[in-house]
Amino acid sequence: MDICFVLVRPARPENIGAAARAMKTMGFGDLRIVGSKAHLEPQAQWVAHGAQELISHARDFDTLSEALVDCTLAVGTTARMRSGKHQYLTPQELKSQALRQQGAVARMAVVFGCEESGLANDELEQCQLRSYLPLSQTQPSLNLGQAVMLYAYSLQQLPEQTQAAEVDDGLLATARQRLEAVLAKADIGGEEIPAQWALESLHRAGERDLKLLLFILNKLL
């Protein structure tokens, strides 16, 4: 499984440099920047310290949807759980989740918001899963570089463990399409809580469970 780290509207080049350094330390190299040119400032290179090539080769995009176009699964990170409509994974739970889906997901994106306000609600909606860092107190909060380090540390073993696995990258997308069709057939709107829970559970299912669910969904259509 390939993993990319997506920074949305980062404001401080030093934080981007720290994120790049954390990524390289943990064996990751795919850095994507959305809606910002801060990584072009020299301060990003100064703080990267040994990971300057990640800054130089970082891909920048105008929108989050463009950054995620080649990702089967996107995980939006947040400092807090925002509502009872969604389930939130800790970094360790996210690692376990990724291991279960190693045969169904070719590339997973871990998405971080800007330093001041995090991801906007519409940006979180573009992510199939949500994750948060359980802190003992809300202040002082972690900065962007620290958050990237914690997720990179938790996920560091995934690339080596899953690199040789044969990936059916279309399995999850097909199951999602079939589930959406069944929900529509049952007149359950995508904004309704049962539909959101069903889709989130789908994105947390393992490869074997996805194949079984796809078999049942095909029978229902």
N, C-alpha and C. Protein backbone atom coordinates (compact mmCIF):
# COMPACT_ATOMS: atom_id res chain seq x y z
N MET A 1 0.84 -1.19 0.00
CA MET A 1 0.00 0.00 0.00
C MET A 1 0.88 1.25 0.00
N ASP A 2 0.66 2.11 -0.96
CA ASP A 2 1.34 3.40 -0.97
C ASP A 2 0.58 4.37 -0.06
N ILE A 3 1.31 5.22 0.61
CA ILE A 3 0.70 6.21 1.49
C ILE A 3 1.25 7.58 1.15
N CYS A 4 0.37 8.53 0.92
CA CYS A 4 0.80 9.91 0.70
C CYS A 4 0.25 10.79 1.81
N PHE A 5 0.96 11.87 2.07
CA PHE A 5 0.57 12.83 3.10
C PHE A 5 0.18 14.13 2.39
N VAL A 6 -1.03 14.60 2.65
CA VAL A 6 -1.58 15.76 1.96
C VAL A 6 -1.77 16.89 2.97
N LEU A 7 -1.12 18.01 2.71
CA LEU A 7 -1.24 19.19 3.57
C LEU A 7 -2.12 20.22 2.86
N VAL A 8 -3.23 20.56 3.48
CA VAL A 8 -4.19 21.48 2.87
C VAL A 8 -4.01 22.88 3.45
N ARG A 9 -3.69 23.82 2.58
CA ARG A 9 -3.50 25.23 2.92
C ARG A 9 -2.52 25.46 4.07
N PRO A 10 -1.38 24.79 4.10
CA PRO A 10 -0.42 25.07 5.17
C PRO A 10 0.10 26.50 5.04
N ALA A 11 0.20 27.20 6.16
CA ALA A 11 0.56 28.62 6.12
C ALA A 11 2.03 28.86 6.40
N ARG A 12 2.64 28.03 7.22
CA ARG A 12 4.01 28.27 7.65
C ARG A 12 4.98 27.31 6.95
N PRO A 13 5.95 27.83 6.21
CA PRO A 13 6.90 26.94 5.54
C PRO A 13 7.69 26.08 6.51
N GLU A 14 7.92 26.58 7.73
CA GLU A 14 8.65 25.77 8.71
C GLU A 14 7.89 24.49 9.05
N ASN A 15 6.57 24.58 9.11
CA ASN A 15 5.78 23.39 9.41
C ASN A 15 5.84 22.37 8.27
N ILE A 16 5.88 22.86 7.05
CA ILE A 16 6.01 21.96 5.91
C ILE A 16 7.36 21.26 5.94
N GLY A 17 8.41 22.02 6.27
CA GLY A 17 9.73 21.42 6.39
C GLY A 17 9.77 20.36 7.48
N ALA A 18 9.14 20.64 8.62
CA ALA A 18 9.09 19.67 9.71
C ALA A 18 8.30 18.43 9.31
N ALA A 19 7.22 18.62 8.56
CA ALA A 19 6.43 17.48 8.09
C ALA A 19 7.25 16.61 7.14
N ALA A 20 7.98 17.25 6.23
CA ALA A 20 8.82 16.51 5.29
C ALA A 20 9.89 15.72 6.03
N ARG A 21 10.51 16.33 7.02
CA ARG A 21 11.54 15.64 7.80
C ARG A 21 10.96 14.43 8.52
N ALA A 22 9.77 14.60 9.11
CA ALA A 22 9.11 13.49 9.79
C ALA A 22 8.79 12.37 8.82
N MET A 23 8.30 12.72 7.64
CA MET A 23 7.96 11.71 6.65
C MET A 23 9.18 10.90 6.24
N LYS A 24 10.28 11.59 5.92
CA LYS A 24 11.48 10.87 5.48
C LYS A 24 12.04 10.00 6.59
N THR A 25 12.00 10.49 7.82
CA THR A 25 12.50 9.71 8.94
C THR A 25 11.76 8.39 9.06
N MET A 26 10.47 8.39 8.72
CA MET A 26 9.66 7.18 8.84
C MET A 26 9.51 6.42 7.52
N GLY A 27 10.23 6.85 6.49
CA GLY A 27 10.26 6.08 5.25
C GLY A 27 9.24 6.46 4.20
N PHE A 28 8.63 7.62 4.30
CA PHE A 28 7.64 8.06 3.33
C PHE A 28 8.21 9.17 2.44
N GLY A 29 7.70 9.25 1.20
CA GLY A 29 8.25 10.24 0.28
C GLY A 29 7.25 10.99 -0.56
N ASP A 30 5.95 10.68 -0.43
CA ASP A 30 4.93 11.31 -1.27
C ASP A 30 4.25 12.42 -0.50
N LEU A 31 4.71 13.66 -0.74
CA LEU A 31 4.16 14.84 -0.07
C LEU A 31 3.37 15.65 -1.08
N ARG A 32 2.13 16.02 -0.71
CA ARG A 32 1.27 16.80 -1.60
C ARG A 32 0.78 18.04 -0.86
N ILE A 33 0.79 19.16 -1.56
CA ILE A 33 0.39 20.45 -0.98
C ILE A 33 -0.83 20.96 -1.73
N VAL A 34 -1.84 21.40 -1.00
CA VAL A 34 -3.08 21.91 -1.61
C VAL A 34 -3.28 23.37 -1.22
N GLY A 35 -3.47 24.23 -2.22
CA GLY A 35 -3.86 25.61 -1.98
C GLY A 35 -2.83 26.45 -1.27
N SER A 36 -1.55 26.17 -1.46
CA SER A 36 -0.51 26.94 -0.79
C SER A 36 0.79 26.85 -1.58
N LYS A 37 1.58 27.89 -1.51
CA LYS A 37 2.92 27.90 -2.10
C LYS A 37 3.98 28.08 -1.01
N ALA A 38 3.59 27.88 0.25
CA ALA A 38 4.51 28.11 1.35
C ALA A 38 5.72 27.18 1.28
N HIS A 39 5.56 26.01 0.64
CA HIS A 39 6.70 25.08 0.57
C HIS A 39 7.81 25.60 -0.33
N LEU A 40 7.53 26.65 -1.11
CA LEU A 40 8.55 27.23 -1.98
C LEU A 40 9.42 28.25 -1.24
N GLU A 41 9.03 28.61 -0.03
CA GLU A 41 9.82 29.54 0.76
C GLU A 41 11.07 28.83 1.30
N PRO A 42 12.19 29.55 1.40
CA PRO A 42 13.44 28.90 1.84
C PRO A 42 13.37 28.30 3.23
N GLN A 43 12.49 28.82 4.09
CA GLN A 43 12.40 28.30 5.45
C GLN A 43 11.99 26.83 5.47
N ALA A 44 11.20 26.41 4.46
CA ALA A 44 10.79 25.01 4.40
C ALA A 44 12.00 24.11 4.19
N GLN A 45 12.92 24.53 3.33
CA GLN A 45 14.14 23.76 3.09
C GLN A 45 15.04 23.75 4.32
N TRP A 46 15.12 24.88 5.01
CA TRP A 46 15.98 24.96 6.19
C TRP A 46 15.56 23.95 7.26
N VAL A 47 14.26 23.88 7.52
CA VAL A 47 13.76 23.02 8.59
C VAL A 47 13.74 21.56 8.16
N ALA A 48 13.60 21.30 6.86
CA ALA A 48 13.53 19.91 6.38
C ALA A 48 14.79 19.14 6.74
N HIS A 49 15.96 19.75 6.70
CA HIS A 49 17.22 19.19 7.20
C HIS A 49 17.40 17.71 6.84
N GLY A 50 17.80 17.45 5.62
CA GLY A 50 18.02 16.09 5.17
C GLY A 50 16.86 15.53 4.36
N ALA A 51 15.75 16.23 4.34
CA ALA A 51 14.57 15.80 3.57
C ALA A 51 14.19 16.86 2.55
N GLN A 52 15.19 17.63 2.11
CA GLN A 52 14.90 18.72 1.18
C GLN A 52 14.32 18.22 -0.14
N GLU A 53 14.68 16.98 -0.53
CA GLU A 53 14.17 16.48 -1.80
C GLU A 53 12.66 16.26 -1.75
N LEU A 54 12.11 15.97 -0.56
CA LEU A 54 10.66 15.84 -0.45
C LEU A 54 9.99 17.17 -0.72
N ILE A 55 10.59 18.26 -0.27
CA ILE A 55 10.06 19.58 -0.54
C ILE A 55 10.17 19.90 -2.03
N SER A 56 11.34 19.60 -2.60
CA SER A 56 11.58 19.91 -4.02
C SER A 56 10.65 19.14 -4.94
N HIS A 57 10.33 17.90 -4.55
CA HIS A 57 9.49 17.04 -5.39
C HIS A 57 8.03 17.02 -4.96
N ALA A 58 7.68 17.84 -3.97
CA ALA A 58 6.29 17.88 -3.52
C ALA A 58 5.38 18.32 -4.67
N ARG A 59 4.26 17.66 -4.81
CA ARG A 59 3.29 18.02 -5.85
C ARG A 59 2.27 18.98 -5.24
N ASP A 60 2.00 20.07 -5.95
CA ASP A 60 1.02 21.02 -5.42
C ASP A 60 -0.22 21.05 -6.30
N PHE A 61 -1.36 21.24 -5.66
CA PHE A 61 -2.66 21.19 -6.32
C PHE A 61 -3.49 22.39 -5.88
N ASP A 62 -4.43 22.76 -6.73
CA ASP A 62 -5.33 23.86 -6.39
C ASP A 62 -6.43 23.41 -5.44
N THR A 63 -6.88 22.16 -5.58
CA THR A 63 -8.00 21.67 -4.77
C THR A 63 -7.66 20.31 -4.18
N LEU A 64 -8.34 19.98 -3.10
CA LEU A 64 -8.14 18.69 -2.46
C LEU A 64 -8.59 17.55 -3.37
N SER A 65 -9.67 17.74 -4.09
CA SER A 65 -10.15 16.67 -4.97
C SER A 65 -9.12 16.30 -6.01
N GLU A 66 -8.36 17.29 -6.51
CA GLU A 66 -7.30 17.00 -7.48
C GLU A 66 -6.17 16.20 -6.82
N ALA A 67 -5.86 16.53 -5.58
CA ALA A 67 -4.78 15.83 -4.88
C ALA A 67 -5.14 14.38 -4.58
N LEU A 68 -6.44 14.08 -4.49
CA LEU A 68 -6.90 12.75 -4.11
C LEU A 68 -7.33 11.89 -5.29
N VAL A 69 -7.15 12.38 -6.51
CA VAL A 69 -7.74 11.70 -7.66
C VAL A 69 -7.20 10.28 -7.84
N ASP A 70 -5.97 10.01 -7.44
CA ASP A 70 -5.39 8.67 -7.62
C ASP A 70 -5.36 7.88 -6.32
N CYS A 71 -6.11 8.33 -5.32
CA CYS A 71 -6.14 7.65 -4.02
C CYS A 71 -7.44 6.87 -3.85
N THR A 72 -7.32 5.61 -3.52
CA THR A 72 -8.50 4.78 -3.29
C THR A 72 -9.20 5.15 -2.00
N LEU A 73 -8.42 5.54 -1.00
CA LEU A 73 -8.97 5.83 0.32
C LEU A 73 -8.29 7.08 0.88
N ALA A 74 -9.10 7.99 1.41
CA ALA A 74 -8.57 9.21 2.03
C ALA A 74 -9.02 9.29 3.48
N VAL A 75 -8.10 9.65 4.34
CA VAL A 75 -8.37 9.77 5.78
C VAL A 75 -8.17 11.22 6.19
N GLY A 76 -9.23 11.87 6.64
CA GLY A 76 -9.14 13.24 7.10
C GLY A 76 -8.81 13.29 8.58
N THR A 77 -7.80 14.05 8.96
CA THR A 77 -7.41 14.15 10.36
C THR A 77 -8.01 15.41 10.98
N THR A 78 -8.31 15.32 12.26
CA THR A 78 -8.89 16.44 12.96
C THR A 78 -8.46 16.40 14.42
N ALA A 79 -8.40 17.55 15.04
CA ALA A 79 -7.99 17.61 16.44
C ALA A 79 -9.12 17.24 17.39
N ARG A 80 -10.33 17.14 16.86
CA ARG A 80 -11.45 16.84 17.75
C ARG A 80 -12.51 16.08 16.96
N MET A 81 -13.32 15.33 17.69
CA MET A 81 -14.46 14.66 17.07
C MET A 81 -15.59 15.68 16.96
N ARG A 82 -16.08 15.89 15.74
CA ARG A 82 -16.96 17.03 15.50
C ARG A 82 -18.45 16.73 15.66
N SER A 83 -18.84 15.48 15.51
CA SER A 83 -20.26 15.16 15.64
C SER A 83 -20.40 13.68 15.90
N GLY A 84 -21.61 13.28 16.26
CA GLY A 84 -21.87 11.87 16.51
C GLY A 84 -22.22 11.09 15.25
N LYS A 85 -22.19 11.76 14.10
CA LYS A 85 -22.57 11.09 12.85
C LYS A 85 -21.45 10.25 12.27
N HIS A 86 -20.22 10.45 12.74
CA HIS A 86 -19.08 9.76 12.16
C HIS A 86 -18.27 9.07 13.23
N GLN A 87 -17.55 8.04 12.82
CA GLN A 87 -16.64 7.36 13.71
C GLN A 87 -15.22 7.85 13.43
N TYR A 88 -14.43 7.93 14.48
CA TYR A 88 -13.08 8.46 14.36
C TYR A 88 -12.07 7.40 14.81
N LEU A 89 -11.02 7.23 14.02
CA LEU A 89 -9.98 6.27 14.32
C LEU A 89 -8.77 6.97 14.91
N THR A 90 -8.14 6.34 15.89
CA THR A 90 -6.85 6.82 16.35
C THR A 90 -5.79 6.38 15.33
N PRO A 91 -4.59 6.94 15.36
CA PRO A 91 -3.54 6.50 14.43
C PRO A 91 -3.28 5.00 14.49
N GLN A 92 -3.28 4.42 15.69
CA GLN A 92 -3.05 2.99 15.81
C GLN A 92 -4.19 2.19 15.19
N GLU A 93 -5.42 2.64 15.39
CA GLU A 93 -6.57 1.97 14.77
C GLU A 93 -6.51 2.13 13.25
N LEU A 94 -6.01 3.26 12.79
CA LEU A 94 -5.87 3.48 11.36
C LEU A 94 -4.87 2.49 10.76
N LYS A 95 -3.80 2.23 11.46
CA LYS A 95 -2.82 1.26 10.98
C LYS A 95 -3.45 -0.13 10.86
N SER A 96 -4.18 -0.54 11.88
CA SER A 96 -4.86 -1.84 11.83
C SER A 96 -5.85 -1.90 10.68
N GLN A 97 -6.56 -0.79 10.46
CA GLN A 97 -7.50 -0.69 9.36
C GLN A 97 -6.78 -0.86 8.02
N ALA A 98 -5.67 -0.18 7.85
CA ALA A 98 -4.92 -0.25 6.59
C ALA A 98 -4.40 -1.65 6.34
N LEU A 99 -3.96 -2.34 7.38
CA LEU A 99 -3.48 -3.70 7.21
C LEU A 99 -4.60 -4.64 6.75
N ARG A 100 -5.81 -4.42 7.26
CA ARG A 100 -6.94 -5.24 6.83
C ARG A 100 -7.28 -5.03 5.37
N GLN A 101 -7.03 -3.83 4.86
CA GLN A 101 -7.42 -3.50 3.50
C GLN A 101 -6.26 -3.52 2.51
N GLN A 102 -5.16 -4.15 2.89
CA GLN A 102 -3.98 -4.10 2.04
C GLN A 102 -4.22 -4.68 0.66
N GLY A 103 -5.17 -5.58 0.52
CA GLY A 103 -5.44 -6.16 -0.78
C GLY A 103 -6.48 -5.41 -1.59
N ALA A 104 -7.07 -4.36 -1.01
CA ALA A 104 -8.14 -3.64 -1.69
C ALA A 104 -7.82 -2.17 -1.91
N VAL A 105 -6.73 -1.68 -1.33
CA VAL A 105 -6.39 -0.26 -1.44
C VAL A 105 -4.95 -0.14 -1.93
N ALA A 106 -4.77 0.48 -3.09
CA ALA A 106 -3.43 0.67 -3.63
C ALA A 106 -2.75 1.89 -3.02
N ARG A 107 -3.51 2.95 -2.80
CA ARG A 107 -2.93 4.18 -2.25
C ARG A 107 -3.90 4.83 -1.27
N MET A 108 -3.39 5.13 -0.10
CA MET A 108 -4.17 5.81 0.93
C MET A 108 -3.57 7.19 1.18
N ALA A 109 -4.42 8.19 1.31
CA ALA A 109 -3.98 9.55 1.61
C ALA A 109 -4.34 9.89 3.05
N VAL A 110 -3.38 10.47 3.76
CA VAL A 110 -3.64 11.00 5.10
C VAL A 110 -3.63 12.52 4.96
N VAL A 111 -4.76 13.15 5.27
CA VAL A 111 -4.99 14.55 4.93
C VAL A 111 -4.99 15.41 6.19
N PHE A 112 -4.22 16.49 6.16
CA PHE A 112 -4.09 17.41 7.28
C PHE A 112 -4.55 18.80 6.86
N GLY A 113 -5.23 19.50 7.76
CA GLY A 113 -5.70 20.84 7.46
C GLY A 113 -4.69 21.91 7.85
N CYS A 114 -5.07 23.16 7.66
CA CYS A 114 -4.17 24.28 7.95
C CYS A 114 -3.98 24.42 9.46
N GLU A 115 -2.93 25.15 9.84
CA GLU A 115 -2.55 25.24 11.23
C GLU A 115 -3.62 25.90 12.10
N GLU A 116 -4.31 26.89 11.58
CA GLU A 116 -5.23 27.67 12.39
C GLU A 116 -6.57 26.98 12.64
N SER A 117 -7.11 26.38 11.59
CA SER A 117 -8.48 25.87 11.70
C SER A 117 -8.67 24.42 11.27
N GLY A 118 -7.62 23.77 10.80
CA GLY A 118 -7.77 22.38 10.37
C GLY A 118 -8.53 22.26 9.07
N LEU A 119 -9.06 21.09 8.82
CA LEU A 119 -9.83 20.85 7.61
C LEU A 119 -11.23 21.44 7.74
N ALA A 120 -11.70 22.07 6.68
CA ALA A 120 -13.08 22.55 6.64
C ALA A 120 -14.03 21.35 6.52
N ASN A 121 -15.27 21.55 6.87
CA ASN A 121 -16.24 20.45 6.82
C ASN A 121 -16.37 19.86 5.42
N ASP A 122 -16.37 20.71 4.39
CA ASP A 122 -16.50 20.18 3.04
C ASP A 122 -15.26 19.40 2.62
N GLU A 123 -14.11 19.72 3.19
CA GLU A 123 -12.90 18.95 2.91
C GLU A 123 -12.94 17.60 3.61
N LEU A 124 -13.43 17.59 4.84
CA LEU A 124 -13.60 16.31 5.54
C LEU A 124 -14.58 15.40 4.81
N GLU A 125 -15.59 15.99 4.18
CA GLU A 125 -16.56 15.19 3.45
C GLU A 125 -15.95 14.49 2.24
N GLN A 126 -14.82 14.98 1.76
CA GLN A 126 -14.13 14.33 0.64
C GLN A 126 -13.29 13.14 1.10
N CYS A 127 -13.19 12.95 2.40
CA CYS A 127 -12.43 11.84 2.96
C CYS A 127 -13.39 10.76 3.42
N GLN A 128 -13.08 9.52 3.08
CA GLN A 128 -13.98 8.42 3.43
C GLN A 128 -13.91 8.05 4.91
N LEU A 129 -12.75 8.30 5.53
CA LEU A 129 -12.58 8.00 6.95
C LEU A 129 -12.06 9.23 7.67
N ARG A 130 -12.25 9.25 9.00
CA ARG A 130 -11.78 10.35 9.83
C ARG A 130 -10.92 9.80 10.95
N SER A 131 -9.93 10.59 11.32
CA SER A 131 -9.03 10.16 12.39
C SER A 131 -8.72 11.36 13.28
N TYR A 132 -8.44 11.09 14.54
CA TYR A 132 -8.07 12.16 15.46
C TYR A 132 -7.00 11.65 16.42
N LEU A 133 -6.27 12.58 16.99
CA LEU A 133 -5.25 12.26 17.98
C LEU A 133 -5.84 12.47 19.38
N PRO A 134 -5.99 11.42 20.15
CA PRO A 134 -6.56 11.56 21.50
C PRO A 134 -5.55 12.22 22.44
N LEU A 135 -5.73 13.50 22.71
CA LEU A 135 -4.83 14.25 23.58
C LEU A 135 -5.44 14.37 24.97
N SER A 136 -4.59 14.51 25.96
CA SER A 136 -5.09 14.63 27.33
C SER A 136 -5.76 15.97 27.57
N GLN A 137 -5.41 16.98 26.76
CA GLN A 137 -6.06 18.27 26.86
C GLN A 137 -6.00 18.95 25.50
N THR A 138 -6.91 19.87 25.28
CA THR A 138 -7.00 20.50 23.96
C THR A 138 -5.93 21.55 23.76
N GLN A 139 -5.40 22.13 24.81
CA GLN A 139 -4.34 23.13 24.72
C GLN A 139 -3.21 22.76 25.67
N PRO A 140 -1.94 22.90 25.29
CA PRO A 140 -1.54 23.31 23.95
C PRO A 140 -1.72 22.19 22.94
N SER A 141 -2.10 22.54 21.75
CA SER A 141 -2.33 21.54 20.72
C SER A 141 -1.03 21.23 19.98
N LEU A 142 -1.04 20.14 19.20
CA LEU A 142 0.12 19.79 18.40
C LEU A 142 0.19 20.68 17.17
N ASN A 143 1.40 21.00 16.73
CA ASN A 143 1.48 21.71 15.47
C ASN A 143 1.47 20.72 14.31
N LEU A 144 1.47 21.23 13.10
CA LEU A 144 1.31 20.39 11.92
C LEU A 144 2.43 19.36 11.80
N GLY A 145 3.67 19.80 11.99
CA GLY A 145 4.79 18.87 11.89
C GLY A 145 4.70 17.74 12.89
N GLN A 146 4.29 18.05 14.12
CA GLN A 146 4.16 17.02 15.15
C GLN A 146 3.06 16.02 14.80
N ALA A 147 1.94 16.52 14.27
CA ALA A 147 0.84 15.64 13.90
C ALA A 147 1.27 14.69 12.79
N VAL A 148 1.98 15.21 11.78
CA VAL A 148 2.46 14.36 10.70
C VAL A 148 3.41 13.30 11.25
N MET A 149 4.29 13.69 12.17
CA MET A 149 5.22 12.74 12.76
C MET A 149 4.49 11.59 13.45
N LEU A 150 3.46 11.89 14.22
CA LEU A 150 2.74 10.84 14.94
C LEU A 150 2.06 9.86 13.98
N TYR A 151 1.45 10.38 12.92
CA TYR A 151 0.80 9.49 11.96
C TYR A 151 1.85 8.70 11.17
N ALA A 152 2.93 9.35 10.78
CA ALA A 152 3.98 8.65 10.04
C ALA A 152 4.60 7.54 10.90
N TYR A 153 4.78 7.81 12.17
CA TYR A 153 5.32 6.80 13.07
C TYR A 153 4.38 5.60 13.18
N SER A 154 3.09 5.87 13.30
CA SER A 154 2.12 4.79 13.43
C SER A 154 2.02 3.94 12.17
N LEU A 155 2.21 4.56 11.01
CA LEU A 155 2.01 3.87 9.74
C LEU A 155 3.31 3.41 9.09
N GLN A 156 4.44 3.59 9.75
CA GLN A 156 5.72 3.41 9.10
C GLN A 156 5.95 2.01 8.57
N GLN A 157 5.39 0.96 9.16
CA GLN A 157 5.67 -0.40 8.74
C GLN A 157 4.79 -0.86 7.59
N LEU A 158 3.78 -0.09 7.25
CA LEU A 158 2.84 -0.53 6.23
C LEU A 158 3.45 -0.72 4.85
N PRO A 159 4.25 0.22 4.33
CA PRO A 159 4.76 0.04 2.97
C PRO A 159 5.54 -1.26 2.79
N GLU A 160 6.44 -1.60 3.73
CA GLU A 160 7.22 -2.82 3.61
C GLU A 160 6.35 -4.05 3.73
N GLN A 161 5.37 -4.02 4.59
CA GLN A 161 4.54 -5.19 4.83
C GLN A 161 3.59 -5.47 3.67
N THR A 162 3.20 -4.45 2.94
CA THR A 162 2.16 -4.63 1.92
C THR A 162 2.68 -4.44 0.51
N GLN A 163 3.95 -4.14 0.35
CA GLN A 163 4.46 -3.83 -0.97
C GLN A 163 4.28 -4.99 -1.94
N ALA A 164 4.49 -6.22 -1.45
CA ALA A 164 4.44 -7.38 -2.33
C ALA A 164 3.03 -7.92 -2.53
N ALA A 165 2.07 -7.37 -1.79
CA ALA A 165 0.71 -7.90 -1.87
C ALA A 165 0.08 -7.56 -3.21
N GLU A 166 -0.69 -8.50 -3.74
CA GLU A 166 -1.44 -8.24 -4.96
C GLU A 166 -2.68 -7.44 -4.60
N VAL A 167 -2.84 -6.30 -5.24
CA VAL A 167 -3.89 -5.37 -4.86
C VAL A 167 -4.99 -5.35 -5.91
N ASP A 168 -6.22 -5.58 -5.46
CA ASP A 168 -7.39 -5.41 -6.32
C ASP A 168 -7.95 -4.02 -6.03
N ASP A 169 -7.38 -3.01 -6.70
CA ASP A 169 -7.68 -1.62 -6.37
C ASP A 169 -9.13 -1.26 -6.69
N GLY A 170 -9.78 -2.04 -7.56
CA GLY A 170 -11.15 -1.71 -7.91
C GLY A 170 -12.19 -2.28 -6.97
N LEU A 171 -11.76 -3.15 -6.05
CA LEU A 171 -12.71 -3.83 -5.16
C LEU A 171 -13.47 -2.85 -4.29
N LEU A 172 -12.77 -1.96 -3.62
CA LEU A 172 -13.42 -1.01 -2.73
C LEU A 172 -14.31 -0.05 -3.50
N ALA A 173 -13.83 0.44 -4.63
CA ALA A 173 -14.63 1.37 -5.43
C ALA A 173 -15.90 0.71 -5.94
N THR A 174 -15.79 -0.55 -6.38
CA THR A 174 -16.96 -1.26 -6.88
C THR A 174 -17.97 -1.52 -5.76
N ALA A 175 -17.47 -1.92 -4.59
CA ALA A 175 -18.37 -2.16 -3.46
C ALA A 175 -19.06 -0.86 -3.05
N ARG A 176 -18.35 0.25 -3.10
CA ARG A 176 -18.95 1.54 -2.77
C ARG A 176 -20.06 1.90 -3.75
N GLN A 177 -19.81 1.69 -5.03
CA GLN A 177 -20.83 1.98 -6.05
C GLN A 177 -22.06 1.12 -5.85
N ARG A 178 -21.85 -0.17 -5.57
CA ARG A 178 -22.99 -1.07 -5.36
C ARG A 178 -23.77 -0.70 -4.11
N LEU A 179 -23.07 -0.34 -3.04
CA LEU A 179 -23.75 0.03 -1.81
C LEU A 179 -24.57 1.31 -2.01
N GLU A 180 -24.01 2.29 -2.70
CA GLU A 180 -24.74 3.52 -2.99
C GLU A 180 -25.98 3.23 -3.82
N ALA A 181 -25.89 2.28 -4.75
CA ALA A 181 -27.04 1.92 -5.57
C ALA A 181 -28.13 1.25 -4.73
N VAL A 182 -27.73 0.38 -3.80
CA VAL A 182 -28.70 -0.28 -2.92
C VAL A 182 -29.36 0.74 -2.00
N LEU A 183 -28.58 1.68 -1.47
CA LEU A 183 -29.15 2.71 -0.61
C LEU A 183 -30.15 3.57 -1.38
N ALA A 184 -29.81 3.91 -2.62
CA ALA A 184 -30.73 4.69 -3.44
C ALA A 184 -32.00 3.91 -3.73
N LYS A 185 -31.83 2.62 -3.99
CA LYS A 185 -32.99 1.76 -4.26
C LYS A 185 -33.91 1.68 -3.05
N ALA A 186 -33.30 1.74 -1.85
CA ALA A 186 -34.08 1.71 -0.61
C ALA A 186 -34.54 3.09 -0.18
N ASP A 187 -34.28 4.11 -1.03
CA ASP A 187 -34.67 5.49 -0.76
C ASP A 187 -34.05 6.02 0.53
N ILE A 188 -32.78 5.68 0.74
CA ILE A 188 -32.02 6.19 1.88
C ILE A 188 -31.02 7.19 1.34
N GLY A 189 -31.21 8.47 1.65
CA GLY A 189 -30.36 9.52 1.11
C GLY A 189 -28.95 9.48 1.67
N GLY A 190 -28.00 9.95 0.88
CA GLY A 190 -26.61 9.93 1.29
C GLY A 190 -26.31 10.78 2.50
N GLU A 191 -27.17 11.77 2.81
CA GLU A 191 -26.95 12.63 3.97
C GLU A 191 -27.55 12.04 5.23
N GLU A 192 -28.32 10.97 5.11
CA GLU A 192 -28.93 10.37 6.29
C GLU A 192 -27.87 9.57 7.05
N ILE A 193 -28.04 9.55 8.38
CA ILE A 193 -27.05 8.89 9.24
C ILE A 193 -26.87 7.41 8.90
N PRO A 194 -27.93 6.63 8.65
CA PRO A 194 -27.71 5.22 8.30
C PRO A 194 -26.83 5.05 7.07
N ALA A 195 -27.00 5.91 6.08
CA ALA A 195 -26.17 5.82 4.87
C ALA A 195 -24.72 6.17 5.19
N GLN A 196 -24.50 7.19 5.99
CA GLN A 196 -23.14 7.58 6.35
C GLN A 196 -22.45 6.49 7.15
N TRP A 197 -23.18 5.89 8.08
CA TRP A 197 -22.60 4.81 8.87
C TRP A 197 -22.27 3.60 7.98
N ALA A 198 -23.18 3.29 7.06
CA ALA A 198 -22.95 2.14 6.18
C ALA A 198 -21.72 2.36 5.31
N LEU A 199 -21.56 3.56 4.77
CA LEU A 199 -20.41 3.85 3.91
C LEU A 199 -19.11 3.85 4.70
N GLU A 200 -19.13 4.40 5.91
CA GLU A 200 -17.93 4.40 6.72
C GLU A 200 -17.55 2.97 7.12
N SER A 201 -18.54 2.16 7.45
CA SER A 201 -18.26 0.76 7.79
C SER A 201 -17.69 0.03 6.59
N LEU A 202 -18.17 0.36 5.40
CA LEU A 202 -17.64 -0.24 4.18
C LEU A 202 -16.15 0.07 4.03
N HIS A 203 -15.79 1.32 4.28
CA HIS A 203 -14.39 1.72 4.11
C HIS A 203 -13.49 1.20 5.20
N ARG A 204 -14.08 0.60 6.24
CA ARG A 204 -13.26 -0.01 7.28
C ARG A 204 -13.27 -1.52 7.19
N ALA A 205 -13.94 -2.07 6.19
CA ALA A 205 -14.03 -3.52 6.05
C ALA A 205 -12.75 -4.08 5.46
N GLY A 206 -12.44 -5.31 5.84
CA GLY A 206 -11.28 -5.99 5.28
C GLY A 206 -11.57 -6.53 3.89
N GLU A 207 -10.52 -7.02 3.22
CA GLU A 207 -10.67 -7.48 1.84
C GLU A 207 -11.68 -8.62 1.74
N ARG A 208 -11.60 -9.60 2.62
CA ARG A 208 -12.54 -10.72 2.56
C ARG A 208 -13.97 -10.26 2.79
N ASP A 209 -14.17 -9.36 3.76
CA ASP A 209 -15.51 -8.85 4.04
C ASP A 209 -16.05 -8.05 2.85
N LEU A 210 -15.17 -7.31 2.17
CA LEU A 210 -15.60 -6.55 1.00
C LEU A 210 -16.08 -7.48 -0.10
N LYS A 211 -15.39 -8.58 -0.31
CA LYS A 211 -15.79 -9.53 -1.35
C LYS A 211 -17.14 -10.17 -1.01
N LEU A 212 -17.33 -10.51 0.26
CA LEU A 212 -18.60 -11.08 0.68
C LEU A 212 -19.73 -10.07 0.53
N LEU A 213 -19.48 -8.84 0.96
CA LEU A 213 -20.50 -7.79 0.84
C LEU A 213 -20.83 -7.53 -0.61
N LEU A 214 -19.84 -7.51 -1.46
CA LEU A 214 -20.07 -7.26 -2.88
C LEU A 214 -20.94 -8.36 -3.49
N PHE A 215 -20.72 -9.59 -3.07
CA PHE A 215 -21.55 -10.70 -3.53
C PHE A 215 -23.01 -10.49 -3.14
N ILE A 216 -23.24 -10.07 -1.88
CA ILE A 216 -24.61 -9.86 -1.41
C ILE A 216 -25.24 -8.66 -2.10
N LEU A 217 -24.50 -7.58 -2.27
CA LEU A 217 -25.04 -6.38 -2.92
C LEU A 217 -25.43 -6.67 -4.36
N ASN A 218 -24.63 -7.45 -5.05
CA ASN A 218 -24.96 -7.80 -6.43
C ASN A 218 -26.26 -8.59 -6.50
N LYS A 219 -26.53 -9.39 -5.49
CA LYS A 219 -27.78 -10.14 -5.46
C LYS A 219 -28.99 -9.23 -5.22
N LEU A 220 -28.75 -8.12 -4.53
CA LEU A 220 -29.85 -7.22 -4.20
C LEU A 220 -30.21 -6.27 -5.35
N LEU A 221 -29.30 -6.13 -6.31
CA LEU A 221 -29.55 -5.19 -7.40
C LEU A 221 -30.20 -5.88 -8.59
